[in-house]
Amino acid sequence: MVTIRNACPGDAEALSEIYGYYVRETAVTFEYEAPSPADFLRRMEEIMMFWPYLVLEDDGRIVGFAYASPFHERAAYAWCCEVTIYLSPNDTRRGYGRLLYGALEEALVEMGILNLYACIGVPEKEDARLTNNSAGFHEHVGYRRIGEFRNCGFKFNTWYHMIWMEKICGDHKAPPKALKAYRQTKSFMRYCAE
């Protein structure tokens, strides 16, 4: 059974292991050094003060996580956020990403978020460290490409590009509804799918 739940501090080691693979082996993230589980926990706790941070398990085994974070610190950007997702490298292309992002989007809409943004590394030409899979996945779940920064990330002796993708998930009425912190919304403890 696949379940999606809120992350908890005890997940930090498993999540940092998933993320660490992408740091060490790929250019999916432009970070050079994988954070320790303790550092990863600090990052999680900071995000979870306001934003949803979700974990997907398959039969009790953590296979991925997704979270939201501020798009920009200026007040007028409050109804926008950046979304992030990582799946265990052995668990991609099984529908987990769609389930996890669907649950994250549901939580963000309930908070009052209107615009979702994803920052994605892309190669000039696909290689063993970076493909266009992430961009393709985001397009598949309703995002559209809105910007590109060329040759902005240097990793594994290669220059990579970064793109921004956007998904609009609410009506832009004036004035917008006040935002609610995730911890104040009706958060699901368990979301099950067959």
N, C-alpha and C. Protein backbone atom coordinates (compact mmCIF):
# COMPACT_ATOMS: atom_id res chain seq x y z
N MET A 1 0.84 -1.18 0.00
CA MET A 1 0.00 0.00 0.00
C MET A 1 0.88 1.25 0.00
N VAL A 2 0.49 2.21 -0.78
CA VAL A 2 1.20 3.49 -0.86
C VAL A 2 0.51 4.47 0.07
N THR A 3 1.29 5.12 0.91
CA THR A 3 0.76 6.15 1.81
C THR A 3 1.57 7.42 1.66
N ILE A 4 0.89 8.53 1.84
CA ILE A 4 1.55 9.83 1.87
C ILE A 4 1.19 10.46 3.20
N ARG A 5 2.20 10.94 3.89
CA ARG A 5 1.98 11.51 5.22
C ARG A 5 2.89 12.72 5.41
N ASN A 6 2.60 13.44 6.48
CA ASN A 6 3.47 14.54 6.85
C ASN A 6 4.82 13.99 7.30
N ALA A 7 5.89 14.68 6.92
CA ALA A 7 7.23 14.27 7.36
C ALA A 7 7.35 14.51 8.86
N CYS A 8 8.25 13.77 9.48
CA CYS A 8 8.54 13.97 10.90
C CYS A 8 10.07 13.94 11.07
N PRO A 9 10.57 14.43 12.20
CA PRO A 9 12.03 14.47 12.40
C PRO A 9 12.71 13.12 12.21
N GLY A 10 12.04 12.04 12.55
CA GLY A 10 12.62 10.72 12.40
C GLY A 10 12.88 10.31 10.95
N ASP A 11 12.34 11.07 10.00
CA ASP A 11 12.54 10.77 8.58
C ASP A 11 13.84 11.33 8.02
N ALA A 12 14.51 12.19 8.78
CA ALA A 12 15.65 12.95 8.25
C ALA A 12 16.73 12.06 7.66
N GLU A 13 17.05 10.97 8.32
CA GLU A 13 18.13 10.12 7.82
C GLU A 13 17.77 9.50 6.47
N ALA A 14 16.56 8.95 6.35
CA ALA A 14 16.14 8.33 5.08
C ALA A 14 16.03 9.36 3.97
N LEU A 15 15.51 10.54 4.29
CA LEU A 15 15.36 11.57 3.26
C LEU A 15 16.71 12.12 2.84
N SER A 16 17.62 12.29 3.79
CA SER A 16 18.95 12.78 3.43
C SER A 16 19.70 11.76 2.59
N GLU A 17 19.41 10.49 2.78
CA GLU A 17 20.03 9.44 1.96
C GLU A 17 19.54 9.54 0.51
N ILE A 18 18.23 9.73 0.33
CA ILE A 18 17.69 9.90 -1.02
C ILE A 18 18.29 11.13 -1.67
N TYR A 19 18.27 12.26 -0.96
CA TYR A 19 18.79 13.50 -1.51
C TYR A 19 20.30 13.39 -1.78
N GLY A 20 21.02 12.75 -0.87
CA GLY A 20 22.46 12.61 -1.01
C GLY A 20 22.86 11.93 -2.30
N TYR A 21 22.08 10.96 -2.74
CA TYR A 21 22.36 10.31 -4.03
C TYR A 21 22.38 11.35 -5.14
N TYR A 22 21.38 12.24 -5.16
CA TYR A 22 21.29 13.24 -6.23
C TYR A 22 22.43 14.25 -6.15
N VAL A 23 22.89 14.55 -4.95
CA VAL A 23 24.04 15.45 -4.80
C VAL A 23 25.31 14.79 -5.32
N ARG A 24 25.55 13.56 -4.89
CA ARG A 24 26.81 12.88 -5.22
C ARG A 24 26.89 12.37 -6.65
N GLU A 25 25.77 11.93 -7.20
CA GLU A 25 25.79 11.22 -8.47
C GLU A 25 25.21 11.98 -9.67
N THR A 26 24.48 13.07 -9.42
CA THR A 26 23.79 13.75 -10.51
C THR A 26 23.97 15.26 -10.44
N ALA A 27 23.52 15.91 -11.47
CA ALA A 27 23.44 17.37 -11.49
C ALA A 27 21.98 17.83 -11.36
N VAL A 28 21.12 16.96 -10.85
CA VAL A 28 19.73 17.33 -10.59
C VAL A 28 19.70 18.46 -9.57
N THR A 29 20.54 18.38 -8.56
CA THR A 29 20.74 19.49 -7.64
C THR A 29 22.13 20.06 -7.91
N PHE A 30 22.26 21.35 -7.78
CA PHE A 30 23.56 21.99 -8.01
C PHE A 30 24.38 22.07 -6.73
N GLU A 31 23.94 21.42 -5.68
CA GLU A 31 24.71 21.36 -4.45
C GLU A 31 25.88 20.40 -4.65
N TYR A 32 27.05 20.72 -4.07
CA TYR A 32 28.23 19.88 -4.22
C TYR A 32 28.39 18.86 -3.09
N GLU A 33 28.05 19.25 -1.88
CA GLU A 33 28.23 18.39 -0.71
C GLU A 33 26.87 17.99 -0.15
N ALA A 34 26.67 16.69 0.05
CA ALA A 34 25.41 16.22 0.63
C ALA A 34 25.33 16.63 2.09
N PRO A 35 24.19 17.16 2.53
CA PRO A 35 24.05 17.51 3.94
C PRO A 35 23.98 16.27 4.81
N SER A 36 24.50 16.38 6.01
CA SER A 36 24.39 15.29 6.98
C SER A 36 22.93 15.15 7.39
N PRO A 37 22.55 14.02 7.98
CA PRO A 37 21.18 13.90 8.48
C PRO A 37 20.80 15.02 9.45
N ALA A 38 21.74 15.45 10.29
CA ALA A 38 21.45 16.54 11.23
C ALA A 38 21.20 17.86 10.49
N ASP A 39 22.02 18.14 9.48
CA ASP A 39 21.81 19.35 8.68
C ASP A 39 20.51 19.26 7.89
N PHE A 40 20.22 18.08 7.38
CA PHE A 40 18.98 17.89 6.63
C PHE A 40 17.78 18.10 7.55
N LEU A 41 17.85 17.61 8.78
CA LEU A 41 16.78 17.81 9.75
C LEU A 41 16.56 19.30 10.01
N ARG A 42 17.62 20.07 10.14
CA ARG A 42 17.48 21.52 10.35
C ARG A 42 16.74 22.16 9.17
N ARG A 43 17.08 21.75 7.97
CA ARG A 43 16.39 22.28 6.79
C ARG A 43 14.90 21.91 6.84
N MET A 44 14.62 20.65 7.17
CA MET A 44 13.23 20.19 7.26
C MET A 44 12.45 21.01 8.28
N GLU A 45 13.02 21.18 9.46
CA GLU A 45 12.32 21.88 10.53
C GLU A 45 12.02 23.33 10.16
N GLU A 46 12.94 23.96 9.46
CA GLU A 46 12.71 25.34 9.03
C GLU A 46 11.54 25.42 8.05
N ILE A 47 11.51 24.50 7.11
CA ILE A 47 10.43 24.47 6.13
C ILE A 47 9.10 24.15 6.79
N MET A 48 9.10 23.17 7.70
CA MET A 48 7.86 22.71 8.31
C MET A 48 7.23 23.72 9.27
N MET A 49 7.91 24.82 9.54
CA MET A 49 7.32 25.86 10.39
C MET A 49 6.10 26.48 9.71
N PHE A 50 6.06 26.49 8.38
CA PHE A 50 4.95 27.10 7.65
C PHE A 50 4.42 26.22 6.52
N TRP A 51 5.31 25.47 5.88
CA TRP A 51 4.99 24.78 4.62
C TRP A 51 4.76 23.29 4.81
N PRO A 52 4.05 22.65 3.86
CA PRO A 52 3.91 21.20 3.89
C PRO A 52 5.21 20.51 3.47
N TYR A 53 5.49 19.42 4.13
CA TYR A 53 6.65 18.57 3.81
C TYR A 53 6.12 17.15 3.89
N LEU A 54 6.00 16.49 2.75
CA LEU A 54 5.32 15.20 2.67
C LEU A 54 6.29 14.08 2.32
N VAL A 55 5.97 12.90 2.82
CA VAL A 55 6.76 11.69 2.59
C VAL A 55 5.85 10.64 1.97
N LEU A 56 6.35 9.94 0.96
CA LEU A 56 5.61 8.83 0.37
C LEU A 56 6.29 7.53 0.77
N GLU A 57 5.46 6.59 1.26
CA GLU A 57 5.94 5.26 1.63
C GLU A 57 5.21 4.22 0.79
N ASP A 58 5.91 3.16 0.46
CA ASP A 58 5.30 2.01 -0.18
C ASP A 58 5.55 0.82 0.74
N ASP A 59 4.48 0.30 1.30
CA ASP A 59 4.58 -0.78 2.30
C ASP A 59 5.57 -0.44 3.41
N GLY A 60 5.50 0.80 3.89
CA GLY A 60 6.32 1.23 5.02
C GLY A 60 7.72 1.68 4.67
N ARG A 61 8.12 1.57 3.41
CA ARG A 61 9.46 1.97 2.97
C ARG A 61 9.38 3.36 2.35
N ILE A 62 10.16 4.30 2.85
CA ILE A 62 10.17 5.66 2.30
C ILE A 62 10.80 5.63 0.91
N VAL A 63 10.03 6.12 -0.07
CA VAL A 63 10.55 6.13 -1.44
C VAL A 63 10.65 7.54 -2.02
N GLY A 64 10.16 8.54 -1.31
CA GLY A 64 10.27 9.89 -1.84
C GLY A 64 9.70 10.93 -0.91
N PHE A 65 9.97 12.19 -1.25
CA PHE A 65 9.46 13.30 -0.46
C PHE A 65 9.26 14.51 -1.35
N ALA A 66 8.37 15.39 -0.90
CA ALA A 66 8.12 16.65 -1.62
C ALA A 66 7.78 17.71 -0.60
N TYR A 67 8.14 18.94 -0.91
CA TYR A 67 7.84 20.03 0.01
C TYR A 67 7.73 21.33 -0.77
N ALA A 68 7.19 22.32 -0.09
CA ALA A 68 7.11 23.67 -0.64
C ALA A 68 7.98 24.58 0.20
N SER A 69 8.39 25.68 -0.40
CA SER A 69 9.18 26.69 0.31
C SER A 69 8.89 28.04 -0.33
N PRO A 70 9.29 29.13 0.33
CA PRO A 70 8.98 30.45 -0.24
C PRO A 70 9.59 30.63 -1.62
N PHE A 71 8.84 31.25 -2.51
CA PHE A 71 9.37 31.58 -3.83
C PHE A 71 10.34 32.74 -3.73
N HIS A 72 9.97 33.73 -2.94
CA HIS A 72 10.79 34.93 -2.75
C HIS A 72 10.37 35.57 -1.44
N GLU A 73 11.28 36.28 -0.80
CA GLU A 73 11.00 36.84 0.51
C GLU A 73 10.10 38.08 0.49
N ARG A 74 9.95 38.78 -0.61
CA ARG A 74 9.14 39.99 -0.64
C ARG A 74 7.66 39.67 -0.44
N ALA A 75 6.96 40.54 0.27
CA ALA A 75 5.58 40.29 0.69
C ALA A 75 4.63 40.02 -0.48
N ALA A 76 4.80 40.70 -1.58
CA ALA A 76 3.87 40.55 -2.71
C ALA A 76 3.93 39.16 -3.35
N TYR A 77 4.98 38.39 -3.05
CA TYR A 77 5.11 37.04 -3.59
C TYR A 77 4.46 35.99 -2.70
N ALA A 78 3.77 36.39 -1.66
CA ALA A 78 3.28 35.45 -0.64
C ALA A 78 2.40 34.35 -1.18
N TRP A 79 1.70 34.57 -2.28
CA TRP A 79 0.77 33.58 -2.82
C TRP A 79 1.43 32.64 -3.83
N CYS A 80 2.76 32.67 -3.87
CA CYS A 80 3.56 31.82 -4.74
C CYS A 80 4.48 30.97 -3.87
N CYS A 81 4.88 29.83 -4.37
CA CYS A 81 5.88 29.05 -3.66
C CYS A 81 6.68 28.22 -4.65
N GLU A 82 7.83 27.75 -4.18
CA GLU A 82 8.65 26.83 -4.95
C GLU A 82 8.36 25.42 -4.44
N VAL A 83 8.26 24.48 -5.35
CA VAL A 83 8.01 23.09 -4.98
C VAL A 83 9.22 22.24 -5.35
N THR A 84 9.45 21.20 -4.54
CA THR A 84 10.60 20.33 -4.72
C THR A 84 10.16 18.89 -4.50
N ILE A 85 10.69 17.99 -5.29
CA ILE A 85 10.39 16.57 -5.14
C ILE A 85 11.63 15.74 -5.42
N TYR A 86 11.82 14.70 -4.62
CA TYR A 86 12.89 13.73 -4.84
C TYR A 86 12.35 12.34 -4.57
N LEU A 87 12.63 11.43 -5.48
CA LEU A 87 12.27 10.02 -5.31
C LEU A 87 13.54 9.18 -5.26
N SER A 88 13.49 8.10 -4.52
CA SER A 88 14.59 7.15 -4.51
C SER A 88 14.92 6.80 -5.97
N PRO A 89 16.19 6.76 -6.34
CA PRO A 89 16.53 6.52 -7.75
C PRO A 89 16.00 5.19 -8.29
N ASN A 90 15.72 4.24 -7.43
CA ASN A 90 15.18 2.96 -7.87
C ASN A 90 13.65 2.95 -7.94
N ASP A 91 13.04 4.08 -7.61
CA ASP A 91 11.57 4.13 -7.53
C ASP A 91 10.96 5.20 -8.42
N THR A 92 11.65 5.58 -9.47
CA THR A 92 11.09 6.55 -10.41
C THR A 92 10.23 5.82 -11.44
N ARG A 93 9.40 6.57 -12.12
CA ARG A 93 8.55 6.06 -13.21
C ARG A 93 7.56 4.97 -12.76
N ARG A 94 7.07 5.16 -11.52
CA ARG A 94 6.07 4.22 -10.98
C ARG A 94 4.78 4.93 -10.57
N GLY A 95 4.70 6.23 -10.88
CA GLY A 95 3.52 7.00 -10.52
C GLY A 95 3.60 7.66 -9.16
N TYR A 96 4.71 7.43 -8.44
CA TYR A 96 4.86 8.02 -7.11
C TYR A 96 4.93 9.55 -7.18
N GLY A 97 5.64 10.06 -8.17
CA GLY A 97 5.78 11.51 -8.28
C GLY A 97 4.45 12.20 -8.47
N ARG A 98 3.60 11.65 -9.31
CA ARG A 98 2.28 12.21 -9.56
C ARG A 98 1.45 12.21 -8.26
N LEU A 99 1.49 11.11 -7.52
CA LEU A 99 0.75 11.02 -6.26
C LEU A 99 1.26 12.05 -5.25
N LEU A 100 2.57 12.12 -5.12
CA LEU A 100 3.18 13.01 -4.14
C LEU A 100 2.92 14.47 -4.47
N TYR A 101 3.11 14.84 -5.74
CA TYR A 101 2.84 16.23 -6.13
C TYR A 101 1.35 16.55 -6.02
N GLY A 102 0.48 15.59 -6.32
CA GLY A 102 -0.95 15.82 -6.18
C GLY A 102 -1.32 16.14 -4.74
N ALA A 103 -0.76 15.39 -3.80
CA ALA A 103 -1.03 15.64 -2.38
C ALA A 103 -0.45 16.99 -1.95
N LEU A 104 0.74 17.31 -2.43
CA LEU A 104 1.36 18.59 -2.09
C LEU A 104 0.52 19.75 -2.63
N GLU A 105 0.10 19.63 -3.87
CA GLU A 105 -0.71 20.68 -4.48
C GLU A 105 -2.02 20.87 -3.71
N GLU A 106 -2.64 19.79 -3.31
CA GLU A 106 -3.88 19.87 -2.54
C GLU A 106 -3.66 20.67 -1.25
N ALA A 107 -2.56 20.38 -0.55
CA ALA A 107 -2.25 21.09 0.69
C ALA A 107 -1.99 22.57 0.43
N LEU A 108 -1.29 22.88 -0.66
CA LEU A 108 -0.95 24.27 -0.97
C LEU A 108 -2.20 25.07 -1.37
N VAL A 109 -3.08 24.46 -2.13
CA VAL A 109 -4.33 25.14 -2.51
C VAL A 109 -5.15 25.45 -1.26
N GLU A 110 -5.19 24.51 -0.33
CA GLU A 110 -5.93 24.75 0.92
C GLU A 110 -5.32 25.90 1.71
N MET A 111 -4.02 26.08 1.61
CA MET A 111 -3.35 27.19 2.30
C MET A 111 -3.66 28.54 1.65
N GLY A 112 -4.05 28.52 0.36
CA GLY A 112 -4.30 29.76 -0.36
C GLY A 112 -3.25 30.07 -1.41
N ILE A 113 -2.33 29.16 -1.67
CA ILE A 113 -1.29 29.37 -2.68
C ILE A 113 -1.92 29.33 -4.07
N LEU A 114 -1.47 30.23 -4.95
CA LEU A 114 -2.02 30.34 -6.30
C LEU A 114 -1.04 29.91 -7.39
N ASN A 115 0.24 30.16 -7.20
CA ASN A 115 1.25 29.87 -8.22
C ASN A 115 2.30 28.92 -7.65
N LEU A 116 2.61 27.87 -8.40
CA LEU A 116 3.65 26.92 -8.02
C LEU A 116 4.81 27.06 -9.00
N TYR A 117 6.03 27.08 -8.48
CA TYR A 117 7.22 27.21 -9.33
C TYR A 117 8.20 26.09 -9.02
N ALA A 118 8.82 25.56 -10.06
CA ALA A 118 9.84 24.53 -9.92
C ALA A 118 11.11 25.00 -10.63
N CYS A 119 12.22 24.92 -9.92
CA CYS A 119 13.54 25.26 -10.45
C CYS A 119 14.22 23.96 -10.82
N ILE A 120 14.56 23.79 -12.10
CA ILE A 120 14.99 22.48 -12.61
C ILE A 120 16.28 22.60 -13.41
N GLY A 121 17.26 21.79 -13.07
CA GLY A 121 18.49 21.71 -13.86
C GLY A 121 18.23 20.95 -15.15
N VAL A 122 18.74 21.47 -16.26
CA VAL A 122 18.61 20.79 -17.55
C VAL A 122 19.95 20.86 -18.29
N PRO A 123 20.24 19.84 -19.09
CA PRO A 123 21.50 19.83 -19.83
C PRO A 123 21.36 20.46 -21.22
N GLU A 124 22.46 20.91 -21.75
CA GLU A 124 22.48 21.28 -23.17
C GLU A 124 22.23 20.02 -23.98
N LYS A 125 22.92 18.95 -23.59
CA LYS A 125 22.75 17.64 -24.20
C LYS A 125 22.71 16.64 -23.04
N GLU A 126 21.72 15.76 -23.02
CA GLU A 126 21.60 14.80 -21.93
C GLU A 126 22.88 14.00 -21.76
N ASP A 127 23.22 13.74 -20.49
CA ASP A 127 24.40 12.94 -20.18
C ASP A 127 24.07 12.03 -19.00
N ALA A 128 25.06 11.30 -18.51
CA ALA A 128 24.84 10.35 -17.42
C ALA A 128 24.48 11.04 -16.11
N ARG A 129 24.76 12.33 -15.99
CA ARG A 129 24.51 13.06 -14.74
C ARG A 129 23.21 13.85 -14.75
N LEU A 130 22.70 14.18 -15.94
CA LEU A 130 21.48 14.99 -16.01
C LEU A 130 20.75 14.76 -17.34
N THR A 131 19.48 14.46 -17.22
CA THR A 131 18.61 14.29 -18.39
C THR A 131 17.52 15.35 -18.34
N ASN A 132 16.58 15.27 -19.26
CA ASN A 132 15.43 16.17 -19.26
C ASN A 132 14.21 15.54 -18.58
N ASN A 133 14.41 14.46 -17.82
CA ASN A 133 13.29 13.75 -17.20
C ASN A 133 12.48 14.62 -16.24
N SER A 134 13.16 15.44 -15.44
CA SER A 134 12.44 16.26 -14.48
C SER A 134 11.56 17.29 -15.18
N ALA A 135 12.09 17.92 -16.20
CA ALA A 135 11.29 18.88 -16.96
C ALA A 135 10.10 18.18 -17.61
N GLY A 136 10.33 17.00 -18.16
CA GLY A 136 9.24 16.24 -18.77
C GLY A 136 8.17 15.85 -17.75
N PHE A 137 8.60 15.42 -16.57
CA PHE A 137 7.66 15.08 -15.51
C PHE A 137 6.80 16.28 -15.15
N HIS A 138 7.44 17.42 -14.93
CA HIS A 138 6.68 18.62 -14.55
C HIS A 138 5.68 19.01 -15.64
N GLU A 139 6.09 18.93 -16.87
CA GLU A 139 5.17 19.22 -17.97
C GLU A 139 3.99 18.25 -17.93
N HIS A 140 4.28 17.00 -17.66
CA HIS A 140 3.25 15.95 -17.61
C HIS A 140 2.21 16.23 -16.52
N VAL A 141 2.62 16.87 -15.43
CA VAL A 141 1.68 17.16 -14.34
C VAL A 141 1.16 18.60 -14.37
N GLY A 142 1.31 19.26 -15.51
CA GLY A 142 0.64 20.55 -15.69
C GLY A 142 1.48 21.80 -15.60
N TYR A 143 2.78 21.68 -15.49
CA TYR A 143 3.65 22.86 -15.44
C TYR A 143 4.04 23.27 -16.85
N ARG A 144 4.35 24.56 -16.99
CA ARG A 144 4.85 25.04 -18.28
C ARG A 144 6.15 25.80 -18.05
N ARG A 145 7.00 25.72 -19.03
CA ARG A 145 8.31 26.38 -18.95
C ARG A 145 8.13 27.88 -19.11
N ILE A 146 8.73 28.64 -18.19
CA ILE A 146 8.56 30.10 -18.25
C ILE A 146 9.89 30.87 -18.27
N GLY A 147 11.01 30.19 -18.05
CA GLY A 147 12.27 30.91 -18.06
C GLY A 147 13.46 29.98 -18.09
N GLU A 148 14.59 30.49 -18.56
CA GLU A 148 15.80 29.69 -18.66
C GLU A 148 17.02 30.54 -18.34
N PHE A 149 17.92 29.97 -17.54
CA PHE A 149 19.21 30.57 -17.25
C PHE A 149 20.26 29.63 -17.82
N ARG A 150 20.98 30.12 -18.82
CA ARG A 150 21.90 29.24 -19.55
C ARG A 150 23.27 29.20 -18.87
N ASN A 151 23.82 27.99 -18.83
CA ASN A 151 25.17 27.77 -18.29
C ASN A 151 25.37 28.43 -16.93
N CYS A 152 24.42 28.25 -16.05
CA CYS A 152 24.49 28.91 -14.75
C CYS A 152 24.98 27.98 -13.64
N GLY A 153 25.04 26.67 -13.90
CA GLY A 153 25.49 25.73 -12.89
C GLY A 153 26.63 24.88 -13.40
N PHE A 154 27.73 24.86 -12.65
CA PHE A 154 28.91 24.08 -13.06
C PHE A 154 29.09 22.94 -12.07
N LYS A 155 28.96 21.72 -12.56
CA LYS A 155 29.10 20.55 -11.71
C LYS A 155 29.62 19.40 -12.58
N PHE A 156 30.47 18.56 -12.00
CA PHE A 156 31.06 17.43 -12.72
C PHE A 156 31.74 17.89 -14.01
N ASN A 157 32.43 19.03 -13.92
CA ASN A 157 33.20 19.58 -15.04
C ASN A 157 32.34 19.89 -16.26
N THR A 158 31.08 20.21 -16.02
CA THR A 158 30.13 20.50 -17.10
C THR A 158 29.27 21.69 -16.70
N TRP A 159 28.96 22.54 -17.67
CA TRP A 159 28.02 23.63 -17.45
C TRP A 159 26.60 23.15 -17.75
N TYR A 160 25.68 23.45 -16.85
CA TYR A 160 24.28 23.08 -17.02
C TYR A 160 23.39 24.32 -16.96
N HIS A 161 22.24 24.21 -17.59
CA HIS A 161 21.24 25.28 -17.56
C HIS A 161 20.26 25.03 -16.42
N MET A 162 19.49 26.05 -16.10
CA MET A 162 18.42 25.93 -15.12
C MET A 162 17.18 26.57 -15.72
N ILE A 163 16.05 25.90 -15.57
CA ILE A 163 14.79 26.46 -16.06
C ILE A 163 13.82 26.62 -14.89
N TRP A 164 12.89 27.54 -15.08
CA TRP A 164 11.77 27.69 -14.16
C TRP A 164 10.52 27.20 -14.89
N MET A 165 9.71 26.43 -14.15
CA MET A 165 8.42 25.98 -14.66
C MET A 165 7.35 26.42 -13.68
N GLU A 166 6.15 26.67 -14.20
CA GLU A 166 5.07 27.26 -13.41
C GLU A 166 3.78 26.48 -13.60
N LYS A 167 3.02 26.41 -12.51
CA LYS A 167 1.66 25.87 -12.58
C LYS A 167 0.76 26.80 -11.78
N ILE A 168 -0.31 27.26 -12.41
CA ILE A 168 -1.29 28.12 -11.75
C ILE A 168 -2.36 27.19 -11.16
N CYS A 169 -2.62 27.34 -9.87
CA CYS A 169 -3.55 26.43 -9.22
C CYS A 169 -4.70 27.15 -8.51
N GLY A 170 -4.91 28.41 -8.83
CA GLY A 170 -6.02 29.14 -8.23
C GLY A 170 -6.34 30.39 -9.02
N ASP A 171 -7.48 30.98 -8.69
CA ASP A 171 -7.91 32.22 -9.35
C ASP A 171 -7.24 33.42 -8.69
N HIS A 172 -6.81 34.35 -9.50
CA HIS A 172 -6.13 35.55 -9.02
C HIS A 172 -7.14 36.69 -8.84
N LYS A 173 -7.89 36.61 -7.75
CA LYS A 173 -8.87 37.65 -7.42
C LYS A 173 -8.20 38.70 -6.56
N ALA A 174 -8.75 39.90 -6.60
CA ALA A 174 -8.21 40.98 -5.78
C ALA A 174 -9.27 41.43 -4.78
N PRO A 175 -8.94 41.47 -3.53
CA PRO A 175 -7.69 41.00 -2.94
C PRO A 175 -7.70 39.49 -2.78
N PRO A 176 -6.53 38.86 -2.72
CA PRO A 176 -6.49 37.41 -2.53
C PRO A 176 -6.85 37.05 -1.09
N LYS A 177 -7.26 35.80 -0.90
CA LYS A 177 -7.56 35.33 0.45
C LYS A 177 -6.27 35.31 1.28
N ALA A 178 -6.42 35.50 2.56
CA ALA A 178 -5.26 35.43 3.46
C ALA A 178 -4.71 34.00 3.46
N LEU A 179 -3.41 33.90 3.53
CA LEU A 179 -2.76 32.60 3.57
C LEU A 179 -2.87 31.98 4.96
N LYS A 180 -2.91 30.66 5.00
CA LYS A 180 -2.88 29.92 6.25
C LYS A 180 -1.62 29.08 6.27
N ALA A 181 -0.94 29.05 7.39
CA ALA A 181 0.21 28.15 7.53
C ALA A 181 -0.29 26.72 7.42
N TYR A 182 0.53 25.85 6.90
CA TYR A 182 0.12 24.46 6.71
C TYR A 182 -0.31 23.81 8.02
N ARG A 183 0.41 24.08 9.08
CA ARG A 183 0.06 23.44 10.35
C ARG A 183 -1.32 23.85 10.84
N GLN A 184 -1.87 24.93 10.27
CA GLN A 184 -3.20 25.40 10.67
C GLN A 184 -4.29 24.90 9.72
N THR A 185 -3.90 24.23 8.67
CA THR A 185 -4.90 23.72 7.73
C THR A 185 -5.26 22.31 8.11
N LYS A 186 -6.31 21.79 7.50
CA LYS A 186 -6.67 20.37 7.69
C LYS A 186 -5.63 19.54 6.94
N SER A 187 -4.63 19.05 7.67
CA SER A 187 -3.59 18.26 7.02
C SER A 187 -3.90 16.79 7.15
N PHE A 188 -3.72 16.07 6.08
CA PHE A 188 -3.96 14.63 6.14
C PHE A 188 -2.77 13.96 6.80
N MET A 189 -3.05 13.03 7.65
CA MET A 189 -1.99 12.25 8.25
C MET A 189 -1.68 11.04 7.38
N ARG A 190 -2.68 10.58 6.68
CA ARG A 190 -2.50 9.44 5.79
C ARG A 190 -3.32 9.65 4.52
N TYR A 191 -2.71 9.45 3.40
CA TYR A 191 -3.42 9.47 2.12
C TYR A 191 -3.07 8.15 1.46
N CYS A 192 -4.06 7.36 1.18
CA CYS A 192 -3.79 6.00 0.69
C CYS A 192 -4.22 5.87 -0.77
N ALA A 193 -3.47 5.09 -1.50
CA ALA A 193 -3.80 4.78 -2.88
C ALA A 193 -3.44 3.32 -3.14
N GLU A 194 -4.18 2.71 -4.00
CA GLU A 194 -3.89 1.30 -4.35
C GLU A 194 -2.94 1.27 -5.52
